[in-house]
N, C-alpha and C. Protein backbone atom coordinates (compact mmCIF):
# COMPACT_ATOMS: atom_id res chain seq x y z
N MET A 1 0.84 -1.18 0.01
CA MET A 1 -0.08 0.06 -0.06
C MET A 1 0.95 1.21 -0.02
N THR A 2 0.61 2.15 -0.94
CA THR A 2 1.41 3.35 -1.00
C THR A 2 0.66 4.41 -0.19
N GLN A 3 1.53 5.43 0.28
CA GLN A 3 0.93 6.47 0.91
C GLN A 3 1.08 7.71 0.09
N ASN A 4 0.15 8.62 0.28
CA ASN A 4 0.32 9.80 -0.43
C ASN A 4 1.01 10.87 0.40
N PRO A 5 2.16 11.25 -0.05
CA PRO A 5 3.04 12.11 0.78
C PRO A 5 2.28 13.48 0.93
N ALA A 6 1.57 13.92 0.14
CA ALA A 6 0.71 15.18 0.37
C ALA A 6 -0.14 15.02 1.33
N ALA A 7 -0.60 14.02 1.88
CA ALA A 7 -1.58 13.95 2.97
C ALA A 7 -0.93 13.96 4.28
N GLU A 8 0.33 13.76 4.37
CA GLU A 8 1.10 13.82 5.60
C GLU A 8 1.50 15.30 5.82
N PRO A 9 1.51 15.75 7.24
CA PRO A 9 1.95 17.15 7.21
C PRO A 9 3.42 17.06 7.18
N ASP A 10 3.92 18.33 6.89
CA ASP A 10 5.39 18.40 6.77
C ASP A 10 6.13 18.56 8.08
N ARG A 11 6.57 17.56 8.62
CA ARG A 11 7.27 17.76 10.10
C ARG A 11 8.46 18.22 10.15
N ARG A 12 9.05 18.59 8.91
CA ARG A 12 10.44 19.07 8.92
C ARG A 12 10.58 20.50 9.44
N GLN A 13 9.31 21.19 9.40
CA GLN A 13 9.23 22.70 9.58
C GLN A 13 9.19 23.14 11.02
N LEU A 14 8.78 22.14 11.83
CA LEU A 14 8.67 22.38 13.10
C LEU A 14 9.02 21.36 14.13
N ARG A 15 10.14 21.62 14.92
CA ARG A 15 10.62 20.74 15.86
C ARG A 15 9.59 20.73 17.04
N GLU A 16 9.74 19.55 17.71
CA GLU A 16 8.69 19.19 18.98
C GLU A 16 8.71 20.22 20.04
N PRO A 17 9.98 20.63 20.48
CA PRO A 17 9.95 21.74 21.52
C PRO A 17 9.23 23.00 21.20
N THR A 18 9.64 23.30 19.90
CA THR A 18 8.95 24.64 19.30
C THR A 18 7.53 24.63 19.33
N LEU A 19 7.05 23.40 18.90
CA LEU A 19 5.71 23.15 18.62
C LEU A 19 5.09 23.16 19.82
N LEU A 20 5.57 22.59 21.11
CA LEU A 20 4.92 22.54 22.21
C LEU A 20 4.98 23.95 22.96
N ALA A 21 6.06 24.70 22.69
CA ALA A 21 6.18 26.02 23.16
C ALA A 21 5.14 26.96 22.60
N LEU A 22 4.81 26.81 21.31
CA LEU A 22 3.83 27.73 20.50
C LEU A 22 2.48 27.37 20.96
N ALA A 23 2.26 26.05 21.04
CA ALA A 23 0.92 25.41 21.21
C ALA A 23 0.52 25.89 22.90
N GLY A 24 1.44 25.57 23.62
CA GLY A 24 1.32 25.97 25.04
C GLY A 24 0.94 27.23 25.24
N SER A 25 1.57 28.27 24.56
CA SER A 25 1.39 29.70 24.70
C SER A 25 0.13 30.04 24.10
N PHE A 26 -0.42 29.60 22.93
CA PHE A 26 -1.73 29.75 22.35
C PHE A 26 -2.82 29.37 23.48
N ALA A 27 -2.58 28.17 24.09
CA ALA A 27 -3.52 27.64 25.02
C ALA A 27 -3.56 28.40 26.20
N ALA A 28 -2.39 28.91 26.67
CA ALA A 28 -2.29 29.71 27.98
C ALA A 28 -3.09 31.06 27.71
N LEU A 29 -2.95 31.55 26.42
CA LEU A 29 -3.76 32.75 26.29
C LEU A 29 -5.30 32.65 26.45
N GLU A 30 -5.76 31.56 25.96
CA GLU A 30 -7.16 31.05 26.00
C GLU A 30 -7.55 30.93 27.61
N GLY A 31 -6.74 30.00 28.25
CA GLY A 31 -7.05 29.96 29.54
C GLY A 31 -7.01 31.09 30.44
N TYR A 32 -6.09 32.06 30.07
CA TYR A 32 -5.90 33.25 30.73
C TYR A 32 -7.16 34.01 30.65
N ASP A 33 -7.55 34.35 29.45
CA ASP A 33 -8.91 35.12 29.14
C ASP A 33 -10.07 34.59 29.83
N LEU A 34 -10.11 33.32 29.71
CA LEU A 34 -11.54 32.81 30.33
C LEU A 34 -11.30 32.91 31.93
N ALA A 35 -10.37 32.76 32.60
CA ALA A 35 -10.16 32.95 33.97
C ALA A 35 -10.15 34.37 34.49
N CYS A 36 -9.63 35.17 33.42
CA CYS A 36 -9.40 36.67 33.80
C CYS A 36 -10.79 37.29 33.92
N TYR A 37 -11.76 36.89 33.21
CA TYR A 37 -13.08 37.47 33.21
C TYR A 37 -13.77 37.29 34.57
N GLY A 38 -13.39 35.98 35.08
CA GLY A 38 -14.09 35.71 36.44
C GLY A 38 -13.23 36.41 37.57
N THR A 39 -12.15 36.72 37.33
CA THR A 39 -11.45 37.49 38.53
C THR A 39 -11.63 38.95 38.44
N THR A 40 -12.02 39.48 37.18
CA THR A 40 -12.49 40.85 37.10
C THR A 40 -13.90 41.29 37.45
N VAL A 41 -14.67 40.31 37.56
CA VAL A 41 -16.29 40.67 37.57
C VAL A 41 -16.43 41.42 38.76
N PRO A 42 -15.93 41.30 39.94
CA PRO A 42 -16.16 42.17 41.11
C PRO A 42 -15.74 43.61 40.78
N SER A 43 -14.67 43.78 40.25
CA SER A 43 -14.25 45.00 39.78
C SER A 43 -15.13 45.81 38.79
N LEU A 44 -15.74 44.97 37.89
CA LEU A 44 -16.51 45.55 36.79
C LEU A 44 -18.03 45.92 37.67
N LEU A 45 -18.33 45.11 38.48
CA LEU A 45 -19.59 45.44 39.16
C LEU A 45 -19.38 46.55 40.09
N ALA A 46 -18.22 46.83 40.67
CA ALA A 46 -17.89 48.09 41.48
C ALA A 46 -17.83 49.29 40.62
N ASP A 47 -17.36 49.20 39.55
CA ASP A 47 -17.18 50.38 38.50
C ASP A 47 -18.59 50.88 37.95
N LYS A 48 -19.14 52.02 38.54
CA LYS A 48 -20.50 52.36 38.35
C LYS A 48 -20.55 52.91 36.91
N SER A 49 -19.55 53.25 36.29
CA SER A 49 -19.56 53.91 34.91
C SER A 49 -20.04 52.62 33.80
N MET A 50 -19.77 51.48 34.19
CA MET A 50 -20.07 50.50 33.33
C MET A 50 -21.57 50.10 33.50
N SER A 51 -22.30 50.50 34.55
CA SER A 51 -23.51 50.14 34.77
C SER A 51 -24.02 48.59 34.68
N MET A 52 -22.71 47.81 35.13
CA MET A 52 -23.03 46.37 35.08
C MET A 52 -23.61 45.87 36.18
N THR A 53 -24.59 44.87 36.16
CA THR A 53 -25.31 44.31 37.19
C THR A 53 -24.86 42.87 37.23
N PRO A 54 -25.09 42.08 38.29
CA PRO A 54 -24.91 40.62 38.37
C PRO A 54 -25.45 39.97 37.11
N GLY A 55 -26.68 40.26 36.72
CA GLY A 55 -27.39 39.66 35.48
C GLY A 55 -26.37 39.98 34.15
N THR A 56 -26.17 41.23 34.14
CA THR A 56 -25.43 41.63 32.77
C THR A 56 -23.94 41.05 32.80
N ALA A 57 -23.43 40.78 33.97
CA ALA A 57 -22.17 40.27 34.03
C ALA A 57 -22.37 38.63 33.60
N GLY A 58 -23.46 38.08 34.06
CA GLY A 58 -23.52 36.78 33.66
C GLY A 58 -23.97 36.53 32.26
N THR A 59 -24.60 37.46 31.75
CA THR A 59 -24.97 37.64 30.20
C THR A 59 -23.72 37.66 29.44
N ALA A 60 -22.70 38.68 29.88
CA ALA A 60 -21.51 38.86 29.10
C ALA A 60 -20.46 37.59 29.30
N GLY A 61 -20.66 36.82 30.30
CA GLY A 61 -20.00 35.57 30.47
C GLY A 61 -20.50 34.60 29.57
N ALA A 62 -21.86 34.43 29.36
CA ALA A 62 -22.51 33.39 28.69
C ALA A 62 -22.23 33.76 27.00
N LEU A 63 -22.06 35.00 26.68
CA LEU A 63 -21.82 35.54 25.36
C LEU A 63 -20.52 34.95 24.85
N VAL A 64 -19.57 34.73 25.81
CA VAL A 64 -18.33 34.17 25.42
C VAL A 64 -18.50 32.60 24.95
N ALA A 65 -19.38 31.88 25.85
CA ALA A 65 -19.67 30.69 25.45
C ALA A 65 -20.39 30.56 24.12
N VAL A 66 -21.24 31.24 23.93
CA VAL A 66 -22.05 31.26 22.60
C VAL A 66 -20.94 31.45 21.49
N GLY A 67 -20.10 32.57 21.71
CA GLY A 67 -19.13 32.82 20.72
C GLY A 67 -18.26 31.72 20.34
N MET A 68 -17.77 30.94 21.47
CA MET A 68 -16.90 29.89 21.29
C MET A 68 -17.53 28.76 20.49
N MET A 69 -18.87 28.30 20.79
CA MET A 69 -19.49 27.53 20.04
C MET A 69 -19.59 27.79 18.53
N LEU A 70 -19.71 29.07 18.17
CA LEU A 70 -19.97 29.45 16.86
C LEU A 70 -18.48 29.52 16.23
N GLY A 71 -17.56 29.93 16.98
CA GLY A 71 -16.20 29.94 16.55
C GLY A 71 -15.55 28.49 16.18
N ALA A 72 -15.92 27.63 17.10
CA ALA A 72 -15.45 26.20 16.85
C ALA A 72 -16.30 25.78 15.62
N ALA A 73 -17.36 25.91 15.36
CA ALA A 73 -18.20 25.47 14.12
C ALA A 73 -17.48 25.98 12.80
N ALA A 74 -17.28 27.46 13.02
CA ALA A 74 -16.54 28.05 11.91
C ALA A 74 -15.16 27.44 11.54
N ALA A 75 -14.50 27.10 12.71
CA ALA A 75 -13.27 26.63 12.50
C ALA A 75 -13.26 25.25 11.69
N ALA A 76 -14.11 24.53 12.22
CA ALA A 76 -14.45 23.10 11.52
C ALA A 76 -14.63 23.30 10.02
N ALA A 77 -15.45 24.33 9.65
CA ALA A 77 -15.84 24.63 8.26
C ALA A 77 -14.42 25.14 7.50
N LEU A 78 -13.73 25.89 8.18
CA LEU A 78 -12.69 26.70 7.40
C LEU A 78 -11.35 26.16 7.50
N VAL A 79 -10.97 25.16 8.33
CA VAL A 79 -9.60 24.61 8.58
C VAL A 79 -9.05 24.07 7.16
N ASN A 80 -9.80 23.32 6.58
CA ASN A 80 -9.46 22.81 5.18
C ASN A 80 -9.23 23.90 4.19
N ARG A 81 -9.88 24.95 4.25
CA ARG A 81 -9.66 25.92 3.18
C ARG A 81 -8.58 26.91 3.55
N LEU A 82 -8.40 27.29 4.90
CA LEU A 82 -7.34 28.21 5.19
C LEU A 82 -6.10 27.61 5.84
N GLY A 83 -6.27 26.20 6.23
CA GLY A 83 -5.13 25.54 6.90
C GLY A 83 -5.10 25.94 8.38
N SER A 84 -4.35 25.03 9.17
CA SER A 84 -4.46 25.13 10.60
C SER A 84 -3.65 26.46 11.10
N ARG A 85 -2.47 26.67 10.59
CA ARG A 85 -1.76 27.80 11.07
C ARG A 85 -2.43 29.14 10.75
N THR A 86 -2.94 29.35 9.51
CA THR A 86 -3.56 30.50 9.26
C THR A 86 -4.91 30.67 10.11
N LEU A 87 -5.65 29.67 10.45
CA LEU A 87 -6.87 29.71 11.25
C LEU A 87 -6.38 29.93 12.74
N LEU A 88 -5.27 29.52 13.20
CA LEU A 88 -4.94 29.81 14.61
C LEU A 88 -4.65 31.18 14.72
N PHE A 89 -3.85 31.83 13.69
CA PHE A 89 -3.44 33.36 13.81
C PHE A 89 -4.58 34.10 13.60
N ILE A 90 -5.58 33.72 12.76
CA ILE A 90 -6.84 34.58 12.66
C ILE A 90 -7.70 34.42 13.94
N GLY A 91 -7.62 33.32 14.53
CA GLY A 91 -8.37 32.99 15.75
C GLY A 91 -7.86 33.87 16.93
N ALA A 92 -6.44 33.90 17.12
CA ALA A 92 -5.68 34.69 18.04
C ALA A 92 -6.10 36.29 17.80
N LEU A 93 -5.90 36.67 16.54
CA LEU A 93 -6.22 38.06 16.19
C LEU A 93 -7.48 38.44 16.54
N VAL A 94 -8.60 37.70 16.21
CA VAL A 94 -10.01 37.82 16.61
C VAL A 94 -10.15 38.04 18.15
N PHE A 95 -9.64 37.07 18.91
CA PHE A 95 -9.80 37.23 20.27
C PHE A 95 -8.97 38.40 20.87
N SER A 96 -7.83 38.78 20.34
CA SER A 96 -7.10 39.78 20.85
C SER A 96 -7.75 41.17 20.58
N LEU A 97 -8.39 41.19 19.24
CA LEU A 97 -9.30 42.48 19.13
C LEU A 97 -10.46 42.46 20.00
N GLY A 98 -10.94 41.42 20.32
CA GLY A 98 -12.24 41.44 21.33
C GLY A 98 -11.70 41.88 22.72
N MET A 99 -10.59 41.39 23.17
CA MET A 99 -9.95 41.89 24.35
C MET A 99 -9.70 43.28 24.47
N VAL A 100 -9.21 43.77 23.27
CA VAL A 100 -9.06 45.25 23.26
C VAL A 100 -10.32 45.98 23.32
N GLY A 101 -11.58 45.37 22.73
CA GLY A 101 -12.77 45.95 22.72
C GLY A 101 -13.22 46.10 24.19
N CYS A 102 -13.05 45.02 24.88
CA CYS A 102 -13.45 44.78 26.21
C CYS A 102 -12.83 46.02 27.21
N ALA A 103 -11.56 46.13 27.04
CA ALA A 103 -10.68 47.18 27.72
C ALA A 103 -11.25 48.48 27.41
N ALA A 104 -11.61 48.88 26.19
CA ALA A 104 -12.19 50.04 25.73
C ALA A 104 -13.63 50.33 25.90
N ALA A 105 -14.43 49.36 26.31
CA ALA A 105 -15.89 49.50 26.31
C ALA A 105 -16.27 50.48 27.19
N PRO A 106 -17.23 51.36 26.70
CA PRO A 106 -17.60 52.39 27.53
C PRO A 106 -18.98 51.99 28.34
N GLY A 107 -19.52 50.86 27.92
CA GLY A 107 -20.67 50.41 28.73
C GLY A 107 -20.81 48.82 28.57
N VAL A 108 -21.78 48.51 29.30
CA VAL A 108 -22.04 47.06 29.34
C VAL A 108 -22.38 46.46 27.99
N ALA A 109 -23.13 47.18 27.06
CA ALA A 109 -23.53 46.56 25.75
C ALA A 109 -22.29 46.26 24.86
N VAL A 110 -21.49 47.33 24.84
CA VAL A 110 -20.23 47.12 23.96
C VAL A 110 -19.37 45.93 24.61
N PHE A 111 -19.34 46.01 25.97
CA PHE A 111 -18.60 45.09 26.58
C PHE A 111 -19.12 43.57 26.27
N GLY A 112 -20.26 43.42 26.32
CA GLY A 112 -20.93 42.07 25.96
C GLY A 112 -20.59 41.57 24.54
N GLY A 113 -20.72 42.62 23.50
CA GLY A 113 -20.39 42.41 22.22
C GLY A 113 -18.89 41.95 22.11
N ALA A 114 -18.05 42.64 22.89
CA ALA A 114 -16.59 42.34 22.69
C ALA A 114 -16.39 40.93 23.31
N ARG A 115 -16.93 40.55 24.27
CA ARG A 115 -16.81 39.28 24.94
C ARG A 115 -17.30 38.30 23.86
N PHE A 116 -18.33 38.46 23.02
CA PHE A 116 -18.85 37.63 22.13
C PHE A 116 -17.80 37.45 21.08
N VAL A 117 -17.02 38.54 20.56
CA VAL A 117 -15.96 38.50 19.64
C VAL A 117 -14.86 37.74 20.23
N VAL A 118 -14.45 37.81 21.53
CA VAL A 118 -13.46 37.01 22.21
C VAL A 118 -13.80 35.55 22.08
N GLY A 119 -14.94 35.19 22.29
CA GLY A 119 -15.54 33.88 22.14
C GLY A 119 -15.36 33.27 20.83
N LEU A 120 -15.61 33.99 19.72
CA LEU A 120 -15.46 33.55 18.30
C LEU A 120 -14.03 33.22 18.07
N GLY A 121 -13.04 34.02 18.60
CA GLY A 121 -11.70 33.61 18.36
C GLY A 121 -11.27 32.46 19.25
N LEU A 122 -11.59 32.45 20.30
CA LEU A 122 -11.22 31.46 21.46
C LEU A 122 -11.78 29.91 20.87
N GLY A 123 -12.91 30.03 20.31
CA GLY A 123 -13.68 28.92 19.88
C GLY A 123 -12.87 28.38 18.73
N ALA A 124 -12.45 29.23 17.87
CA ALA A 124 -11.50 28.62 16.66
C ALA A 124 -10.09 28.11 17.11
N VAL A 125 -9.68 28.72 18.20
CA VAL A 125 -8.24 28.46 18.41
C VAL A 125 -8.04 27.02 19.16
N LEU A 126 -8.72 26.60 20.10
CA LEU A 126 -8.42 25.41 20.89
C LEU A 126 -8.60 24.22 20.10
N PRO A 127 -9.75 24.01 19.48
CA PRO A 127 -9.79 22.79 18.66
C PRO A 127 -8.80 22.61 17.59
N THR A 128 -8.55 23.80 16.82
CA THR A 128 -7.63 23.75 15.80
C THR A 128 -6.20 23.40 16.34
N LEU A 129 -5.92 24.12 17.46
CA LEU A 129 -4.68 23.87 18.15
C LEU A 129 -4.37 22.49 18.47
N LEU A 130 -5.40 21.92 19.01
CA LEU A 130 -5.22 20.40 19.49
C LEU A 130 -5.03 19.54 18.20
N ALA A 131 -5.94 19.74 17.22
CA ALA A 131 -5.62 18.99 15.90
C ALA A 131 -4.28 19.34 15.46
N TYR A 132 -3.84 20.44 15.49
CA TYR A 132 -2.54 20.76 14.83
C TYR A 132 -1.50 20.12 15.54
N VAL A 133 -1.54 20.10 16.91
CA VAL A 133 -0.47 19.44 17.66
C VAL A 133 -0.56 17.88 17.31
N SER A 134 -1.60 17.42 17.34
CA SER A 134 -1.83 16.04 17.06
C SER A 134 -1.18 15.67 15.73
N ALA A 135 -1.48 16.37 14.65
CA ALA A 135 -1.04 16.16 13.46
C ALA A 135 0.45 16.25 13.28
N PHE A 136 1.14 17.18 14.00
CA PHE A 136 2.52 17.35 13.86
C PHE A 136 3.35 16.49 14.86
N SER A 137 2.83 15.79 15.70
CA SER A 137 3.50 15.00 16.69
C SER A 137 3.72 13.52 16.12
N ARG A 138 4.94 13.03 16.56
CA ARG A 138 5.17 11.80 15.98
C ARG A 138 4.31 10.69 16.84
N ASN A 139 4.19 9.62 16.06
CA ASN A 139 3.34 8.56 16.62
C ASN A 139 3.98 8.22 18.01
N GLY A 140 3.12 7.88 18.97
CA GLY A 140 3.46 7.59 20.32
C GLY A 140 3.75 8.78 21.25
N ARG A 141 3.59 9.93 20.69
CA ARG A 141 3.82 11.26 21.49
C ARG A 141 2.54 12.08 21.31
N LYS A 142 1.54 11.81 20.54
CA LYS A 142 0.41 12.61 20.14
C LYS A 142 -0.29 12.94 21.51
N ALA A 143 -0.72 11.90 22.26
CA ALA A 143 -1.46 12.17 23.47
C ALA A 143 -0.75 13.00 24.49
N ARG A 144 0.46 12.65 24.60
CA ARG A 144 1.36 13.39 25.40
C ARG A 144 1.45 14.79 25.13
N ASN A 145 1.76 15.13 23.83
CA ASN A 145 1.86 16.46 23.33
C ASN A 145 0.45 17.33 23.54
N VAL A 146 -0.59 16.66 23.26
CA VAL A 146 -1.95 17.23 23.49
C VAL A 146 -2.15 17.63 24.85
N GLY A 147 -1.70 16.63 25.84
CA GLY A 147 -1.63 16.84 27.12
C GLY A 147 -0.78 18.07 27.57
N VAL A 148 0.37 18.31 27.19
CA VAL A 148 1.20 19.36 27.38
C VAL A 148 0.71 20.63 27.06
N THR A 149 -0.03 20.61 25.83
CA THR A 149 -0.59 21.79 25.29
C THR A 149 -1.74 22.16 26.22
N MET A 150 -2.65 21.43 26.81
CA MET A 150 -3.66 21.49 27.59
C MET A 150 -3.17 22.07 28.97
N ALA A 151 -1.96 21.52 29.35
CA ALA A 151 -1.29 22.18 30.55
C ALA A 151 -0.98 23.54 30.51
N GLY A 152 -0.76 24.14 29.13
CA GLY A 152 -0.60 25.50 28.94
C GLY A 152 -1.96 26.26 29.14
N TYR A 153 -3.07 25.49 28.72
CA TYR A 153 -4.32 26.32 29.12
C TYR A 153 -4.53 26.53 30.58
N ALA A 154 -4.12 25.49 31.36
CA ALA A 154 -4.22 25.49 32.91
C ALA A 154 -3.32 26.52 33.44
N ALA A 155 -2.25 26.59 32.87
CA ALA A 155 -1.28 27.63 33.31
C ALA A 155 -1.73 28.94 33.14
N GLY A 156 -2.30 29.30 31.99
CA GLY A 156 -2.81 30.64 31.69
C GLY A 156 -4.02 30.80 32.77
N ALA A 157 -4.82 29.82 32.86
CA ALA A 157 -6.10 30.02 33.82
C ALA A 157 -5.58 30.33 35.35
N LEU A 158 -4.45 29.61 35.68
CA LEU A 158 -3.88 29.84 36.91
C LEU A 158 -3.17 31.23 37.00
N ALA A 159 -2.58 31.87 36.00
CA ALA A 159 -2.04 33.07 35.97
C ALA A 159 -3.00 34.19 36.27
N ALA A 160 -4.20 34.09 35.73
CA ALA A 160 -5.29 35.10 35.85
C ALA A 160 -5.43 35.47 37.23
N PRO A 161 -5.83 34.62 38.11
CA PRO A 161 -6.20 35.00 39.53
C PRO A 161 -4.94 35.50 40.39
N LEU A 162 -3.77 34.87 39.96
CA LEU A 162 -2.51 35.48 40.55
C LEU A 162 -2.25 36.78 40.12
N ILE A 163 -2.39 37.17 38.84
CA ILE A 163 -2.16 38.45 38.41
C ILE A 163 -3.20 39.44 39.07
N ALA A 164 -4.37 38.96 39.02
CA ALA A 164 -5.49 39.82 39.74
C ALA A 164 -5.32 40.16 41.04
N ALA A 165 -4.89 39.07 41.87
CA ALA A 165 -4.57 39.41 43.37
C ALA A 165 -3.51 40.43 43.48
N ALA A 166 -2.58 40.57 42.61
CA ALA A 166 -1.53 41.51 42.56
C ALA A 166 -1.98 42.95 42.13
N LEU A 167 -2.93 42.93 41.15
CA LEU A 167 -2.95 44.15 40.45
C LEU A 167 -4.33 44.88 40.95
N LEU A 168 -5.39 44.04 41.13
CA LEU A 168 -6.74 44.48 41.46
C LEU A 168 -6.96 44.91 42.87
N PRO A 169 -7.59 45.96 43.11
CA PRO A 169 -7.78 46.36 44.50
C PRO A 169 -8.55 45.30 45.40
N ALA A 170 -8.23 45.17 46.58
CA ALA A 170 -8.79 44.15 47.33
C ALA A 170 -10.33 44.56 47.60
N SER A 171 -11.26 43.48 47.62
CA SER A 171 -12.59 43.68 48.02
C SER A 171 -12.80 43.81 49.50
N SER A 172 -13.60 44.72 49.82
CA SER A 172 -14.03 45.00 51.04
C SER A 172 -15.28 44.21 51.59
């Protein structure tokens, strides 16, 4: 049985340590953003200029999940057309722009919309990232490498409350 060399990913371009460092960094950004929202909700509720209530804070949090669902569906439809690398960078750009929108939001409506945009990007990144890592990993190392990548997600999620504890004012 002959194999089609075009069907195999080109493993020469990316060494395993580089792959894991990049994949872990992408995953850390996603974990950081999702945990960061939870750590900043008390500050957002205290900022009266945002006019945020516990209900609107919950809605903004849910909009991320809706965006992630739609972003993952879009990624599934686009990955073969654009390629994994391109889709990863587009997803990272989308969630980065959404984060900037969150930081600049004058009110809760714009903030919620920006959180939705963040979700679109995040939803595209993680499934694409895990498939990319699996495709570029040697046989026998795929599960380990996917696990290492997901550890990056956990590291990012852990960083959010640690940074928040250092930077945000203490609640009274």
